[in-house]
Amino acid sequence: MGSAPSVRANPCSDDIILCAGYRIGPFEVESALIKHPDVAEAAVVGKPDELRGETIKAYVALKPGGAPSEQLADELKAFVKKHLAAHQYPREVEFVDQLPKTPSSKIQRFLLRKG
């Protein structure tokens, strides 16, 4: 009856990574990372990049006994490349003790994007 259409914001749209013209959802990349035997949890965010618009940065919490290293970071990149398209692998991996989460255990990606 003449009411204005409602507009709804999609909270997940902030999570989409725009890399070299590709729209990349974080969940697929995170799912690939947690299939690695050393990974307990993972979160990915877009990191500003002059050439590509954004690149993928992964934050990874290892399982007990896992040791962060450049070798493991390279292994994780190759692992994702093997399971997903070449443009979906993280260009940077940062190891963390734990990921920031809400009380309901959702990952707070906005905090990772700041860091």
C-alpha atoms as a PDB file:
ATOM      1  CA  MET A   1       0.000   0.000   0.000  1.00  0.00           C
ATOM      2  CA  GLY A   2       2.567   2.576  -0.914  1.00  0.00           C
ATOM      3  CA  SER A   3       5.084   1.705   1.777  1.00  0.00           C
ATOM      4  CA  ALA A   4       8.749   2.063   0.928  1.00  0.00           C
ATOM      5  CA  PRO A   5      10.644  -1.134   0.259  1.00  0.00           C
ATOM      6  CA  SER A   6      12.750  -2.281   3.143  1.00  0.00           C
ATOM      7  CA  VAL A   7      16.500  -2.498   2.819  1.00  0.00           C
ATOM      8  CA  ARG A   8      18.350  -5.166   4.743  1.00  0.00           C
ATOM      9  CA  ALA A   9      22.086  -5.181   5.207  1.00  0.00           C
ATOM     10  CA  ASN A  10      23.812  -8.528   4.881  1.00  0.00           C
ATOM     11  CA  PRO A  11      26.292  -8.796   7.762  1.00  0.00           C
ATOM     12  CA  CYS A  12      28.231 -11.473   5.894  1.00  0.00           C
ATOM     13  CA  SER A  13      28.862  -9.172   2.921  1.00  0.00           C
ATOM     14  CA  ASP A  14      31.729  -7.590   4.892  1.00  0.00           C
ATOM     15  CA  ASP A  15      33.375 -10.997   4.983  1.00  0.00           C
ATOM     16  CA  ILE A  16      33.589 -11.332   1.185  1.00  0.00           C
ATOM     17  CA  ILE A  17      37.147 -10.850  -0.069  1.00  0.00           C
ATOM     18  CA  LEU A  18      37.579  -9.102  -3.433  1.00  0.00           C
ATOM     19  CA  CYS A  19      40.871 -10.336  -4.858  1.00  0.00           C
ATOM     20  CA  ALA A  20      41.912  -9.599  -8.455  1.00  0.00           C
ATOM     21  CA  GLY A  21      38.286  -9.473  -9.590  1.00  0.00           C
ATOM     22  CA  TYR A  22      37.254 -12.659  -7.738  1.00  0.00           C
ATOM     23  CA  ARG A  23      34.693 -12.687  -4.939  1.00  0.00           C
ATOM     24  CA  ILE A  24      35.987 -15.116  -2.325  1.00  0.00           C
ATOM     25  CA  GLY A  25      33.970 -16.240   0.671  1.00  0.00           C
ATOM     26  CA  PRO A  26      36.041 -16.939   3.775  1.00  0.00           C
ATOM     27  CA  PHE A  27      34.215 -20.121   4.764  1.00  0.00           C
ATOM     28  CA  GLU A  28      35.519 -22.240   1.886  1.00  0.00           C
ATOM     29  CA  VAL A  29      39.124 -21.205   2.561  1.00  0.00           C
ATOM     30  CA  GLU A  30      38.718 -21.755   6.308  1.00  0.00           C
ATOM     31  CA  SER A  31      37.198 -25.185   5.696  1.00  0.00           C
ATOM     32  CA  ALA A  32      40.190 -26.161   3.576  1.00  0.00           C
ATOM     33  CA  LEU A  33      42.630 -24.948   6.229  1.00  0.00           C
ATOM     34  CA  ILE A  34      41.015 -26.894   9.069  1.00  0.00           C
ATOM     35  CA  LYS A  35      41.333 -30.114   7.064  1.00  0.00           C
ATOM     36  CA  HIS A  36      45.093 -29.862   7.629  1.00  0.00           C
ATOM     37  CA  PRO A  37      46.089 -32.181  10.499  1.00  0.00           C
ATOM     38  CA  ASP A  38      47.931 -29.443  12.463  1.00  0.00           C
ATOM     39  CA  VAL A  39      45.126 -26.842  12.343  1.00  0.00           C
ATOM     40  CA  ALA A  40      42.585 -26.517  15.159  1.00  0.00           C
ATOM     41  CA  GLU A  41      40.868 -23.336  13.928  1.00  0.00           C
ATOM     42  CA  ALA A  42      41.252 -20.841  11.114  1.00  0.00           C
ATOM     43  CA  ALA A  43      39.786 -17.527  10.032  1.00  0.00           C
ATOM     44  CA  VAL A  44      40.519 -15.567   6.876  1.00  0.00           C
ATOM     45  CA  VAL A  45      40.029 -11.893   6.072  1.00  0.00           C
ATOM     46  CA  GLY A  46      40.817  -9.562   3.207  1.00  0.00           C
ATOM     47  CA  LYS A  47      43.982  -7.528   3.540  1.00  0.00           C
ATOM     48  CA  PRO A  48      44.297  -4.371   1.403  1.00  0.00           C
ATOM     49  CA  ASP A  49      46.613  -4.858  -1.572  1.00  0.00           C
ATOM     50  CA  GLU A  50      47.560  -2.205  -4.114  1.00  0.00           C
ATOM     51  CA  LEU A  51      47.706  -4.634  -7.042  1.00  0.00           C
ATOM     52  CA  ARG A  52      44.861  -7.077  -6.301  1.00  0.00           C
ATOM     53  CA  GLY A  53      42.471  -4.922  -4.248  1.00  0.00           C
ATOM     54  CA  GLU A  54      42.678  -7.411  -1.387  1.00  0.00           C
ATOM     55  CA  THR A  55      44.648 -10.537  -0.625  1.00  0.00           C
ATOM     56  CA  ILE A  56      43.689 -13.342   1.708  1.00  0.00           C
ATOM     57  CA  LYS A  57      45.247 -13.367   5.155  1.00  0.00           C
ATOM     58  CA  ALA A  58      44.722 -16.440   7.325  1.00  0.00           C
ATOM     59  CA  TYR A  59      44.819 -16.516  11.098  1.00  0.00           C
ATOM     60  CA  VAL A  60      45.529 -20.046  12.273  1.00  0.00           C
ATOM     61  CA  ALA A  61      45.356 -21.632  15.721  1.00  0.00           C
ATOM     62  CA  LEU A  62      47.257 -24.903  15.853  1.00  0.00           C
ATOM     63  CA  LYS A  63      46.344 -28.091  17.664  1.00  0.00           C
ATOM     64  CA  PRO A  64      48.285 -28.870  20.853  1.00  0.00           C
ATOM     65  CA  GLY A  65      51.842 -29.819  19.971  1.00  0.00           C
ATOM     66  CA  GLY A  66      51.803 -27.857  16.713  1.00  0.00           C
ATOM     67  CA  ALA A  67      54.684 -25.462  16.218  1.00  0.00           C
ATOM     68  CA  PRO A  68      54.298 -22.301  14.125  1.00  0.00           C
ATOM     69  CA  SER A  69      56.974 -21.866  11.454  1.00  0.00           C
ATOM     70  CA  GLU A  70      57.540 -20.413   7.997  1.00  0.00           C
ATOM     71  CA  GLN A  71      57.696 -23.978   6.699  1.00  0.00           C
ATOM     72  CA  LEU A  72      54.257 -24.756   8.126  1.00  0.00           C
ATOM     73  CA  ALA A  73      52.850 -21.478   6.739  1.00  0.00           C
ATOM     74  CA  ASP A  74      54.121 -22.446   3.266  1.00  0.00           C
ATOM     75  CA  GLU A  75      52.701 -25.945   3.725  1.00  0.00           C
ATOM     76  CA  LEU A  76      49.278 -24.498   4.597  1.00  0.00           C
ATOM     77  CA  LYS A  77      49.325 -22.258   1.511  1.00  0.00           C
ATOM     78  CA  ALA A  78      50.153 -25.244  -0.700  1.00  0.00           C
ATOM     79  CA  PHE A  79      47.510 -27.352   1.061  1.00  0.00           C
ATOM     80  CA  VAL A  80      44.783 -24.819   0.254  1.00  0.00           C
ATOM     81  CA  LYS A  81      46.024 -24.470  -3.349  1.00  0.00           C
ATOM     82  CA  LYS A  82      45.713 -28.232  -3.724  1.00  0.00           C
ATOM     83  CA  HIS A  83      42.090 -28.243  -2.499  1.00  0.00           C
ATOM     84  CA  LEU A  84      40.765 -24.961  -3.951  1.00  0.00           C
ATOM     85  CA  ALA A  85      41.320 -22.690  -6.945  1.00  0.00           C
ATOM     86  CA  ALA A  86      44.723 -21.019  -7.145  1.00  0.00           C
ATOM     87  CA  HIS A  87      43.319 -17.541  -6.419  1.00  0.00           C
ATOM     88  CA  GLN A  88      41.793 -18.737  -3.116  1.00  0.00           C
ATOM     89  CA  TYR A  89      44.936 -19.569  -1.166  1.00  0.00           C
ATOM     90  CA  PRO A  90      46.060 -17.233   1.630  1.00  0.00           C
ATOM     91  CA  ARG A  91      49.044 -15.103   0.668  1.00  0.00           C
ATOM     92  CA  GLU A  92      49.826 -14.558   4.340  1.00  0.00           C
ATOM     93  CA  VAL A  93      49.457 -16.855   7.365  1.00  0.00           C
ATOM     94  CA  GLU A  94      49.639 -15.603  10.932  1.00  0.00           C
ATOM     95  CA  PHE A  95      49.658 -18.082  13.798  1.00  0.00           C
ATOM     96  CA  VAL A  96      47.615 -17.160  16.876  1.00  0.00           C
ATOM     97  CA  ASP A  97      46.945 -18.846  20.202  1.00  0.00           C
ATOM     98  CA  GLN A  98      43.209 -18.365  19.766  1.00  0.00           C
ATOM     99  CA  LEU A  99      40.759 -16.540  17.518  1.00  0.00           C
ATOM    100  CA  PRO A 100      38.613 -13.673  18.862  1.00  0.00           C
ATOM    101  CA  LYS A 101      35.040 -14.879  19.358  1.00  0.00           C
ATOM    102  CA  THR A 102      31.670 -13.670  20.547  1.00  0.00           C
ATOM    103  CA  PRO A 103      30.056 -15.275  23.613  1.00  0.00           C
ATOM    104  CA  SER A 104      28.195 -17.532  21.159  1.00  0.00           C
ATOM    105  CA  SER A 105      31.548 -18.665  19.652  1.00  0.00           C
ATOM    106  CA  LYS A 106      31.287 -16.811  16.326  1.00  0.00           C
ATOM    107  CA  ILE A 107      34.625 -15.575  14.991  1.00  0.00           C
ATOM    108  CA  GLN A 108      34.956 -11.785  15.193  1.00  0.00           C
ATOM    109  CA  ARG A 109      36.543 -11.134  11.810  1.00  0.00           C
ATOM    110  CA  PHE A 110      36.217  -7.366  12.226  1.00  0.00           C
ATOM    111  CA  LEU A 111      38.845  -7.572  14.989  1.00  0.00           C
ATOM    112  CA  LEU A 112      41.159  -9.550  12.722  1.00  0.00           C
ATOM    113  CA  ARG A 113      40.722  -7.014   9.914  1.00  0.00           C
ATOM    114  CA  LYS A 114      41.900  -4.280  12.309  1.00  0.00           C
ATOM    115  CA  GLY A 115      45.005  -6.203  13.310  1.00  0.00           C
END
